[in-house]
């Protein structure tokens, strides 16, 4: 015979989570890694600078692979990905050293 104790978990009650709750838990458990972005060049202008990222021309406010372009400076770009900011440095042409995140 099975006796139910007051305050104990009910073995016949299933606690199902919604898909959104499960997705949020997965997102929070993953390490914060921005997408792979390569900064190949910057067309500098004080009013409307442009950046060449992953072969795409982008301006401040644009989004590439889920990362928003926050600021374009003379030699670097600041992006925001999932509420955290990252810096992409301009590549060095001499050694073909690529600035990847």
PDB file of N, CA and C in Angstrom:
ATOM      1  N   UNK A   1       0.834  -1.166   0.000  1.00  0.00           N
ATOM      2  CA  UNK A   1       0.000   0.000   0.000  1.00  0.00           C
ATOM      3  C   UNK A   1       0.889   1.244   0.000  1.00  0.00           C
ATOM      4  N   UNK A   2       0.480   2.268  -0.750  1.00  0.00           N
ATOM      5  CA  UNK A   2       1.220   3.517  -0.883  1.00  0.00           C
ATOM      6  C   UNK A   2       0.550   4.585  -0.033  1.00  0.00           C
ATOM      7  N   UNK A   3       1.337   5.204   0.828  1.00  0.00           N
ATOM      8  CA  UNK A   3       0.790   6.255   1.689  1.00  0.00           C
ATOM      9  C   UNK A   3       1.376   7.596   1.257  1.00  0.00           C
ATOM     10  N   UNK A   4       0.523   8.550   1.011  1.00  0.00           N
ATOM     11  CA  UNK A   4       0.945   9.897   0.621  1.00  0.00           C
ATOM     12  C   UNK A   4       1.174  10.733   1.870  1.00  0.00           C
ATOM     13  N   UNK A   5       2.363  11.328   1.932  1.00  0.00           N
ATOM     14  CA  UNK A   5       2.685  12.175   3.079  1.00  0.00           C
ATOM     15  C   UNK A   5       2.412  13.636   2.725  1.00  0.00           C
ATOM     16  N   UNK A   6       1.750  14.337   3.598  1.00  0.00           N
ATOM     17  CA  UNK A   6       1.425  15.750   3.388  1.00  0.00           C
ATOM     18  C   UNK A   6       2.710  16.550   3.183  1.00  0.00           C
ATOM     19  N   UNK A   7       2.743  17.398   2.143  1.00  0.00           N
ATOM     20  CA  UNK A   7       3.904  18.240   1.863  1.00  0.00           C
ATOM     21  C   UNK A   7       4.934  17.571   0.968  1.00  0.00           C
ATOM     22  N   UNK A   8       4.794  16.294   0.700  1.00  0.00           N
ATOM     23  CA  UNK A   8       5.730  15.588  -0.173  1.00  0.00           C
ATOM     24  C   UNK A   8       5.328  15.820  -1.631  1.00  0.00           C
ATOM     25  N   UNK A   9       6.235  15.534  -2.545  1.00  0.00           N
ATOM     26  CA  UNK A   9       5.957  15.683  -3.969  1.00  0.00           C
ATOM     27  C   UNK A   9       4.936  14.645  -4.397  1.00  0.00           C
ATOM     28  N   UNK A  10       3.968  15.093  -5.182  1.00  0.00           N
ATOM     29  CA  UNK A  10       2.935  14.197  -5.691  1.00  0.00           C
ATOM     30  C   UNK A  10       3.507  13.445  -6.890  1.00  0.00           C
ATOM     31  N   UNK A  11       3.686  12.129  -6.807  1.00  0.00           N
ATOM     32  CA  UNK A  11       4.283  11.369  -7.906  1.00  0.00           C
ATOM     33  C   UNK A  11       3.398  11.319  -9.154  1.00  0.00           C
ATOM     34  N   UNK A  12       2.145  11.680  -9.031  1.00  0.00           N
ATOM     35  CA  UNK A  12       1.237  11.631 -10.174  1.00  0.00           C
ATOM     36  C   UNK A  12       1.075  12.997 -10.855  1.00  0.00           C
ATOM     37  N   UNK A  13       1.740  14.013 -10.325  1.00  0.00           N
ATOM     38  CA  UNK A  13       1.660  15.350 -10.908  1.00  0.00           C
ATOM     39  C   UNK A  13       2.947  15.626 -11.685  1.00  0.00           C
ATOM     40  N   UNK A  14       2.803  15.834 -13.000  1.00  0.00           N
ATOM     41  CA  UNK A  14       3.960  16.143 -13.834  1.00  0.00           C
ATOM     42  C   UNK A  14       4.132  17.658 -13.921  1.00  0.00           C
ATOM     43  N   UNK A  15       5.333  18.105 -13.682  1.00  0.00           N
ATOM     44  CA  UNK A  15       5.642  19.527 -13.798  1.00  0.00           C
ATOM     45  C   UNK A  15       6.298  19.747 -15.157  1.00  0.00           C
ATOM     46  N   UNK A  16       5.507  20.122 -16.141  1.00  0.00           N
ATOM     47  CA  UNK A  16       6.020  20.333 -17.489  1.00  0.00           C
ATOM     48  C   UNK A  16       6.395  21.795 -17.685  1.00  0.00           C
ATOM     49  N   UNK A  17       7.559  22.004 -18.280  1.00  0.00           N
ATOM     50  CA  UNK A  17       8.012  23.359 -18.571  1.00  0.00           C
ATOM     51  C   UNK A  17       7.620  23.703 -20.002  1.00  0.00           C
ATOM     52  N   UNK A  18       7.402  24.974 -20.238  1.00  0.00           N
ATOM     53  CA  UNK A  18       7.093  25.408 -21.594  1.00  0.00           C
ATOM     54  C   UNK A  18       8.380  25.450 -22.408  1.00  0.00           C
ATOM     55  N   UNK A  19       8.241  25.491 -23.719  1.00  0.00           N
ATOM     56  CA  UNK A  19       9.414  25.560 -24.586  1.00  0.00           C
ATOM     57  C   UNK A  19      10.234  26.812 -24.305  1.00  0.00           C
ATOM     58  N   UNK A  20       9.558  27.938 -24.057  1.00  0.00           N
ATOM     59  CA  UNK A  20      10.266  29.190 -23.791  1.00  0.00           C
ATOM     60  C   UNK A  20      11.106  29.091 -22.520  1.00  0.00           C
ATOM     61  N   UNK A  21      10.565  28.486 -21.475  1.00  0.00           N
ATOM     62  CA  UNK A  21      11.323  28.317 -20.228  1.00  0.00           C
ATOM     63  C   UNK A  21      12.551  27.449 -20.472  1.00  0.00           C
ATOM     64  N   UNK A  22      12.389  26.381 -21.234  1.00  0.00           N
ATOM     65  CA  UNK A  22      13.506  25.485 -21.525  1.00  0.00           C
ATOM     66  C   UNK A  22      14.563  26.200 -22.357  1.00  0.00           C
ATOM     67  N   UNK A  23      14.153  26.972 -23.374  1.00  0.00           N
ATOM     68  CA  UNK A  23      15.106  27.707 -24.204  1.00  0.00           C
ATOM     69  C   UNK A  23      15.892  28.714 -23.374  1.00  0.00           C
ATOM     70  N   UNK A  24      15.220  29.426 -22.477  1.00  0.00           N
ATOM     71  CA  UNK A  24      15.892  30.410 -21.630  1.00  0.00           C
ATOM     72  C   UNK A  24      16.916  29.739 -20.717  1.00  0.00           C
ATOM     73  N   UNK A  25      16.577  28.578 -20.158  1.00  0.00           N
ATOM     74  CA  UNK A  25      17.518  27.860 -19.296  1.00  0.00           C
ATOM     75  C   UNK A  25      18.747  27.436 -20.090  1.00  0.00           C
ATOM     76  N   UNK A  26      18.546  26.985 -21.321  1.00  0.00           N
ATOM     77  CA  UNK A  26      19.667  26.564 -22.166  1.00  0.00           C
ATOM     78  C   UNK A  26      20.541  27.769 -22.485  1.00  0.00           C
ATOM     79  N   UNK A  27      19.937  28.912 -22.855  1.00  0.00           N
ATOM     80  CA  UNK A  27      20.702  30.118 -23.162  1.00  0.00           C
ATOM     81  C   UNK A  27      21.548  30.555 -21.975  1.00  0.00           C
ATOM     82  N   UNK A  28      20.965  30.526 -20.781  1.00  0.00           N
ATOM     83  CA  UNK A  28      21.679  30.966 -19.584  1.00  0.00           C
ATOM     84  C   UNK A  28      22.813  30.020 -19.215  1.00  0.00           C
ATOM     85  N   UNK A  29      22.684  28.739 -19.545  1.00  0.00           N
ATOM     86  CA  UNK A  29      23.715  27.779 -19.171  1.00  0.00           C
ATOM     87  C   UNK A  29      24.882  27.769 -20.160  1.00  0.00           C
ATOM     88  N   UNK A  30      24.676  28.276 -21.382  1.00  0.00           N
ATOM     89  CA  UNK A  30      25.744  28.295 -22.375  1.00  0.00           C
ATOM     90  C   UNK A  30      26.747  29.398 -22.061  1.00  0.00           C
ATOM     91  N   UNK A  31      28.048  29.143 -22.330  1.00  0.00           N
ATOM     92  CA  UNK A  31      29.027  30.210 -22.130  1.00  0.00           C
ATOM     93  C   UNK A  31      28.774  31.323 -23.146  1.00  0.00           C
ATOM     94  N   UNK A  32      29.040  32.547 -22.748  1.00  0.00           N
ATOM     95  CA  UNK A  32      28.790  33.695 -23.612  1.00  0.00           C
ATOM     96  C   UNK A  32      29.891  33.806 -24.652  1.00  0.00           C
ATOM     97  N   UNK A  33      29.616  33.332 -25.854  1.00  0.00           N
ATOM     98  CA  UNK A  33      30.550  33.383 -26.968  1.00  0.00           C
ATOM     99  C   UNK A  33      29.900  34.163 -28.102  1.00  0.00           C
ATOM    100  N   UNK A  34      30.467  35.298 -28.481  1.00  0.00           N
ATOM    101  CA  UNK A  34      29.894  36.022 -29.615  1.00  0.00           C
ATOM    102  C   UNK A  34      30.148  35.248 -30.906  1.00  0.00           C
ATOM    103  N   UNK A  35      29.419  35.545 -31.972  1.00  0.00           N
ATOM    104  CA  UNK A  35      29.665  34.865 -33.242  1.00  0.00           C
ATOM    105  C   UNK A  35      31.052  35.207 -33.768  1.00  0.00           C
ATOM    106  N   UNK A  36      31.560  34.365 -34.655  1.00  0.00           N
ATOM    107  CA  UNK A  36      32.885  34.593 -35.234  1.00  0.00           C
ATOM    108  C   UNK A  36      32.792  35.770 -36.202  1.00  0.00           C
ATOM    109  N   UNK A  37      33.414  36.877 -35.834  1.00  0.00           N
ATOM    110  CA  UNK A  37      33.396  38.086 -36.647  1.00  0.00           C
ATOM    111  C   UNK A  37      34.821  38.503 -36.962  1.00  0.00           C
ATOM    112  N   UNK A  38      35.093  38.784 -38.243  1.00  0.00           N
ATOM    113  CA  UNK A  38      36.420  39.206 -38.674  1.00  0.00           C
ATOM    114  C   UNK A  38      36.312  40.618 -39.242  1.00  0.00           C
ATOM    115  N   UNK A  39      37.053  41.539 -38.648  1.00  0.00           N
ATOM    116  CA  UNK A  39      37.076  42.928 -39.098  1.00  0.00           C
ATOM    117  C   UNK A  39      38.195  43.080 -40.120  1.00  0.00           C
ATOM    118  N   UNK A  40      37.823  43.308 -41.387  1.00  0.00           N
ATOM    119  CA  UNK A  40      38.812  43.402 -42.470  1.00  0.00           C
ATOM    120  C   UNK A  40      39.184  44.838 -42.813  1.00  0.00           C
ATOM    121  N   UNK A  41      38.308  45.795 -42.508  1.00  0.00           N
ATOM    122  CA  UNK A  41      38.625  47.176 -42.846  1.00  0.00           C
ATOM    123  C   UNK A  41      37.632  48.147 -42.252  1.00  0.00           C
ATOM    124  N   UNK A  42      38.067  49.425 -42.199  1.00  0.00           N
ATOM    125  CA  UNK A  42      37.206  50.494 -41.703  1.00  0.00           C
ATOM    126  C   UNK A  42      37.300  51.665 -42.676  1.00  0.00           C
ATOM    127  N   UNK A  43      36.156  52.149 -43.129  1.00  0.00           N
ATOM    128  CA  UNK A  43      36.091  53.368 -43.932  1.00  0.00           C
ATOM    129  C   UNK A  43      35.778  54.479 -42.936  1.00  0.00           C
ATOM    130  N   UNK A  44      36.822  55.194 -42.515  1.00  0.00           N
ATOM    131  CA  UNK A  44      36.668  56.147 -41.421  1.00  0.00           C
ATOM    132  C   UNK A  44      36.085  57.472 -41.897  1.00  0.00           C
ATOM    133  N   UNK A  45      35.087  57.906 -41.195  1.00  0.00           N
ATOM    134  CA  UNK A  45      34.456  59.210 -41.376  1.00  0.00           C
ATOM    135  C   UNK A  45      33.881  59.559 -40.012  1.00  0.00           C
ATOM    136  N   UNK A  46      34.118  60.761 -39.535  1.00  0.00           N
ATOM    137  CA  UNK A  46      33.660  61.120 -38.190  1.00  0.00           C
ATOM    138  C   UNK A  46      32.149  61.056 -38.038  1.00  0.00           C
ATOM    139  N   UNK A  47      31.415  61.297 -39.107  1.00  0.00           N
ATOM    140  CA  UNK A  47      29.956  61.297 -39.001  1.00  0.00           C
ATOM    141  C   UNK A  47      29.324  59.951 -39.333  1.00  0.00           C
ATOM    142  N   UNK A  48      29.867  59.218 -40.319  1.00  0.00           N
ATOM    143  CA  UNK A  48      29.279  57.934 -40.724  1.00  0.00           C
ATOM    144  C   UNK A  48      30.367  56.901 -41.026  1.00  0.00           C
ATOM    145  N   UNK A  49      31.069  56.412 -40.005  1.00  0.00           N
ATOM    146  CA  UNK A  49      32.091  55.395 -40.267  1.00  0.00           C
ATOM    147  C   UNK A  49      31.446  54.068 -40.670  1.00  0.00           C
ATOM    148  N   UNK A  50      32.158  53.307 -41.503  1.00  0.00           N
ATOM    149  CA  UNK A  50      31.693  51.994 -41.943  1.00  0.00           C
ATOM    150  C   UNK A  50      32.756  50.958 -41.620  1.00  0.00           C
ATOM    151  N   UNK A  51      32.328  49.724 -41.377  1.00  0.00           N
ATOM    152  CA  UNK A  51      33.259  48.631 -41.083  1.00  0.00           C
ATOM    153  C   UNK A  51      32.964  47.463 -42.012  1.00  0.00           C
ATOM    154  N   UNK A  52      34.025  46.816 -42.485  1.00  0.00           N
ATOM    155  CA  UNK A  52      33.891  45.617 -43.308  1.00  0.00           C
ATOM    156  C   UNK A  52      34.080  44.411 -42.388  1.00  0.00           C
ATOM    157  N   UNK A  53      32.969  43.761 -42.042  1.00  0.00           N
ATOM    158  CA  UNK A  53      32.981  42.637 -41.104  1.00  0.00           C
ATOM    159  C   UNK A  53      32.401  41.418 -41.799  1.00  0.00           C
ATOM    160  N   UNK A  54      33.185  40.335 -41.844  1.00  0.00           N
ATOM    161  CA  UNK A  54      32.750  39.090 -42.497  1.00  0.00           C
ATOM    162  C   UNK A  54      32.278  39.352 -43.927  1.00  0.00           C
ATOM    163  N   UNK A  55      32.944  40.268 -44.611  1.00  0.00           N
ATOM    164  CA  UNK A  55      32.595  40.565 -45.996  1.00  0.00           C
ATOM    165  C   UNK A  55      31.373  41.450 -46.165  1.00  0.00           C
ATOM    166  N   UNK A  56      30.810  41.949 -45.064  1.00  0.00           N
ATOM    167  CA  UNK A  56      29.627  42.811 -45.115  1.00  0.00           C
ATOM    168  C   UNK A  56      29.985  44.218 -44.662  1.00  0.00           C
ATOM    169  N   UNK A  57      29.473  45.216 -45.365  1.00  0.00           N
ATOM    170  CA  UNK A  57      29.678  46.599 -44.978  1.00  0.00           C
ATOM    171  C   UNK A  57      28.629  46.969 -43.938  1.00  0.00           C
ATOM    172  N   UNK A  58      29.070  47.429 -42.763  1.00  0.00           N
ATOM    173  CA  UNK A  58      28.142  47.707 -41.661  1.00  0.00           C
ATOM    174  C   UNK A  58      28.390  49.092 -41.084  1.00  0.00           C
ATOM    175  N   UNK A  59      27.317  49.681 -40.564  1.00  0.00           N
ATOM    176  CA  UNK A  59      27.418  50.973 -39.883  1.00  0.00           C
ATOM    177  C   UNK A  59      26.984  50.788 -38.434  1.00  0.00           C
ATOM    178  N   UNK A  60      27.208  51.805 -37.615  1.00  0.00           N
ATOM    179  CA  UNK A  60      26.788  51.735 -36.218  1.00  0.00           C
ATOM    180  C   UNK A  60      25.281  51.514 -36.149  1.00  0.00           C
ATOM    181  N   UNK A  61      24.867  50.576 -35.310  1.00  0.00           N
ATOM    182  CA  UNK A  61      23.452  50.246 -35.173  1.00  0.00           C
ATOM    183  C   UNK A  61      23.043  49.006 -35.952  1.00  0.00           C
ATOM    184  N   UNK A  62      23.858  48.602 -36.946  1.00  0.00           N
ATOM    185  CA  UNK A  62      23.551  47.387 -37.709  1.00  0.00           C
ATOM    186  C   UNK A  62      23.781  46.147 -36.856  1.00  0.00           C
ATOM    187  N   UNK A  63      23.189  45.029 -37.279  1.00  0.00           N
ATOM    188  CA  UNK A  63      23.360  43.756 -36.587  1.00  0.00           C
ATOM    189  C   UNK A  63      23.923  42.727 -37.556  1.00  0.00           C
ATOM    190  N   UNK A  64      24.973  42.023 -37.124  1.00  0.00           N
ATOM    191  CA  UNK A  64      25.571  40.942 -37.908  1.00  0.00           C
ATOM    192  C   UNK A  64      25.605  39.708 -37.032  1.00  0.00           C
ATOM    193  N   UNK A  65      24.965  38.641 -37.469  1.00  0.00           N
ATOM    194  CA  UNK A  65      24.903  37.363 -36.755  1.00  0.00           C
ATOM    195  C   UNK A  65      24.486  37.548 -35.291  1.00  0.00           C
ATOM    196  N   UNK A  66      23.549  38.424 -35.051  1.00  0.00           N
ATOM    197  CA  UNK A  66      23.042  38.632 -33.696  1.00  0.00           C
ATOM    198  C   UNK A  66      23.842  39.609 -32.858  1.00  0.00           C
ATOM    199  N   UNK A  67      24.939  40.132 -33.399  1.00  0.00           N
ATOM    200  CA  UNK A  67      25.772  41.095 -32.674  1.00  0.00           C
ATOM    201  C   UNK A  67      25.511  42.494 -33.232  1.00  0.00           C
ATOM    202  N   UNK A  68      25.188  43.430 -32.354  1.00  0.00           N
ATOM    203  CA  UNK A  68      24.898  44.809 -32.782  1.00  0.00           C
ATOM    204  C   UNK A  68      26.178  45.636 -32.763  1.00  0.00           C
ATOM    205  N   UNK A  69      26.392  46.408 -33.837  1.00  0.00           N
ATOM    206  CA  UNK A  69      27.542  47.301 -33.925  1.00  0.00           C
ATOM    207  C   UNK A  69      27.241  48.529 -33.063  1.00  0.00           C
ATOM    208  N   UNK A  70      28.003  48.695 -31.988  1.00  0.00           N
ATOM    209  CA  UNK A  70      27.781  49.798 -31.053  1.00  0.00           C
ATOM    210  C   UNK A  70      28.587  51.025 -31.461  1.00  0.00           C
ATOM    211  N   UNK A  71      29.878  50.827 -31.768  1.00  0.00           N
ATOM    212  CA  UNK A  71      30.773  51.951 -32.055  1.00  0.00           C
ATOM    213  C   UNK A  71      31.833  51.505 -33.046  1.00  0.00           C
ATOM    214  N   UNK A  72      32.106  52.355 -34.035  1.00  0.00           N
ATOM    215  CA  UNK A  72      33.192  52.112 -34.981  1.00  0.00           C
ATOM    216  C   UNK A  72      34.229  53.198 -34.754  1.00  0.00           C
ATOM    217  N   UNK A  73      35.424  52.792 -34.329  1.00  0.00           N
ATOM    218  CA  UNK A  73      36.534  53.716 -34.130  1.00  0.00           C
ATOM    219  C   UNK A  73      37.507  53.570 -35.293  1.00  0.00           C
ATOM    220  N   UNK A  74      38.597  54.318 -35.233  1.00  0.00           N
ATOM    221  CA  UNK A  74      39.584  54.312 -36.308  1.00  0.00           C
ATOM    222  C   UNK A  74      40.210  52.929 -36.526  1.00  0.00           C
ATOM    223  N   UNK A  75      40.460  52.159 -35.454  1.00  0.00           N
ATOM    224  CA  UNK A  75      41.129  50.862 -35.581  1.00  0.00           C
ATOM    225  C   UNK A  75      40.381  49.707 -34.936  1.00  0.00           C
ATOM    226  N   UNK A  76      39.153  49.941 -34.464  1.00  0.00           N
ATOM    227  CA  UNK A  76      38.432  48.861 -33.804  1.00  0.00           C
ATOM    228  C   UNK A  76      36.931  49.094 -33.872  1.00  0.00           C
ATOM    229  N   UNK A  77      36.195  48.016 -33.583  1.00  0.00           N
ATOM    230  CA  UNK A  77      34.736  48.075 -33.565  1.00  0.00           C
ATOM    231  C   UNK A  77      34.261  47.475 -32.248  1.00  0.00           C
ATOM    232  N   UNK A  78      33.317  48.134 -31.608  1.00  0.00           N
ATOM    233  CA  UNK A  78      32.715  47.621 -30.380  1.00  0.00           C
ATOM    234  C   UNK A  78      31.354  47.036 -30.753  1.00  0.00           C
ATOM    235  N   UNK A  79      31.130  45.774 -30.346  1.00  0.00           N
ATOM    236  CA  UNK A  79      29.851  45.123 -30.613  1.00  0.00           C
ATOM    237  C   UNK A  79      29.186  44.746 -29.295  1.00  0.00           C
ATOM    238  N   UNK A  80      27.874  44.584 -29.333  1.00  0.00           N
ATOM    239  CA  UNK A  80      27.138  44.096 -28.164  1.00  0.00           C
ATOM    240  C   UNK A  80      26.456  42.798 -28.575  1.00  0.00           C
ATOM    241  N   UNK A  81      26.722  41.747 -27.791  1.00  0.00           N
ATOM    242  CA  UNK A  81      26.120  40.443 -28.045  1.00  0.00           C
ATOM    243  C   UNK A  81      25.558  39.923 -26.732  1.00  0.00           C
ATOM    244  N   UNK A  82      24.259  39.698 -26.692  1.00  0.00           N
ATOM    245  CA  UNK A  82      23.566  39.211 -25.494  1.00  0.00           C
ATOM    246  C   UNK A  82      23.927  40.042 -24.260  1.00  0.00           C
ATOM    247  N   UNK A  83      23.780  41.343 -24.382  1.00  0.00           N
ATOM    248  CA  UNK A  83      23.965  42.312 -23.292  1.00  0.00           C
ATOM    249  C   UNK A  83      25.404  42.480 -22.817  1.00  0.00           C
ATOM    250  N   UNK A  84      26.374  41.960 -23.561  1.00  0.00           N
ATOM    251  CA  UNK A  84      27.775  42.135 -23.182  1.00  0.00           C
ATOM    252  C   UNK A  84      28.529  42.732 -24.363  1.00  0.00           C
ATOM    253  N   UNK A  85      29.467  43.642 -24.069  1.00  0.00           N
ATOM    254  CA  UNK A  85      30.224  44.289 -25.138  1.00  0.00           C
ATOM    255  C   UNK A  85      31.559  43.594 -25.374  1.00  0.00           C
ATOM    256  N   UNK A  86      31.942  43.528 -26.666  1.00  0.00           N
ATOM    257  CA  UNK A  86      33.199  42.935 -27.105  1.00  0.00           C
ATOM    258  C   UNK A  86      33.862  43.906 -28.075  1.00  0.00           C
ATOM    259  N   UNK A  87      35.192  43.817 -28.181  1.00  0.00           N
ATOM    260  CA  UNK A  87      35.945  44.677 -29.094  1.00  0.00           C
ATOM    261  C   UNK A  87      36.585  43.807 -30.165  1.00  0.00           C
ATOM    262  N   UNK A  88      36.446  44.244 -31.424  1.00  0.00           N
ATOM    263  CA  UNK A  88      37.121  43.579 -32.544  1.00  0.00           C
ATOM    264  C   UNK A  88      38.177  44.556 -33.043  1.00  0.00           C
ATOM    265  N   UNK A  89      39.426  44.126 -33.037  1.00  0.00           N
ATOM    266  CA  UNK A  89      40.520  44.970 -33.509  1.00  0.00           C
ATOM    267  C   UNK A  89      40.695  44.778 -35.012  1.00  0.00           C
ATOM    268  N   UNK A  90      41.172  45.818 -35.684  1.00  0.00           N
ATOM    269  CA  UNK A  90      41.462  45.752 -37.108  1.00  0.00           C
ATOM    270  C   UNK A  90      42.632  44.805 -37.332  1.00  0.00           C
ATOM    271  N   UNK A  91      42.562  43.994 -38.386  1.00  0.00           N
ATOM    272  CA  UNK A  91      43.615  43.005 -38.639  1.00  0.00           C
ATOM    273  C   UNK A  91      44.927  43.693 -39.004  1.00  0.00           C
ATOM    274  N   UNK A  92      46.036  42.987 -38.774  1.00  0.00           N
ATOM    275  CA  UNK A  92      47.352  43.479 -39.154  1.00  0.00           C
ATOM    276  C   UNK A  92      47.717  42.833 -40.474  1.00  0.00           C
ATOM    277  N   UNK A  93      47.945  43.648 -41.492  1.00  0.00           N
ATOM    278  CA  UNK A  93      48.173  43.107 -42.832  1.00  0.00           C
ATOM    279  C   UNK A  93      49.536  42.447 -42.984  1.00  0.00           C
ATOM    280  N   UNK A  94      50.562  42.896 -42.294  1.00  0.00           N
ATOM    281  CA  UNK A  94      51.904  42.346 -42.482  1.00  0.00           C
ATOM    282  C   UNK A  94      51.956  40.855 -42.188  1.00  0.00           C
ATOM    283  N   UNK A  95      51.426  40.453 -41.064  1.00  0.00           N
ATOM    284  CA  UNK A  95      51.488  39.045 -40.696  1.00  0.00           C
ATOM    285  C   UNK A  95      50.210  38.290 -41.002  1.00  0.00           C
ATOM    286  N   UNK A  96      49.277  38.945 -41.694  1.00  0.00           N
ATOM    287  CA  UNK A  96      47.977  38.337 -41.978  1.00  0.00           C
ATOM    288  C   UNK A  96      47.323  37.842 -40.697  1.00  0.00           C
ATOM    289  N   UNK A  97      47.622  38.513 -39.605  1.00  0.00           N
ATOM    290  CA  UNK A  97      47.028  38.150 -38.319  1.00  0.00           C
ATOM    291  C   UNK A  97      45.584  38.616 -38.319  1.00  0.00           C
ATOM    292  N   UNK A  98      44.679  37.711 -38.114  1.00  0.00           N
ATOM    293  CA  UNK A  98      43.261  38.022 -38.176  1.00  0.00           C
ATOM    294  C   UNK A  98      42.722  38.305 -36.784  1.00  0.00           C
ATOM    295  N   UNK A  99      41.861  39.294 -36.673  1.00  0.00           N
ATOM    296  CA  UNK A  99      41.231  39.624 -35.399  1.00  0.00           C
ATOM    297  C   UNK A  99      39.857  38.988 -35.365  1.00  0.00           C
ATOM    298  N   UNK A 100      39.771  37.827 -34.751  1.00  0.00           N
ATOM    299  CA  UNK A 100      38.519  37.087 -34.695  1.00  0.00           C
ATOM    300  C   UNK A 100      38.024  37.018 -33.267  1.00  0.00           C
ATOM    301  N   UNK A 101      36.724  36.943 -33.143  1.00  0.00           N
ATOM    302  CA  UNK A 101      36.123  36.704 -31.833  1.00  0.00           C
ATOM    303  C   UNK A 101      35.582  35.304 -31.860  1.00  0.00           C
TER     304      UNK A 101
END
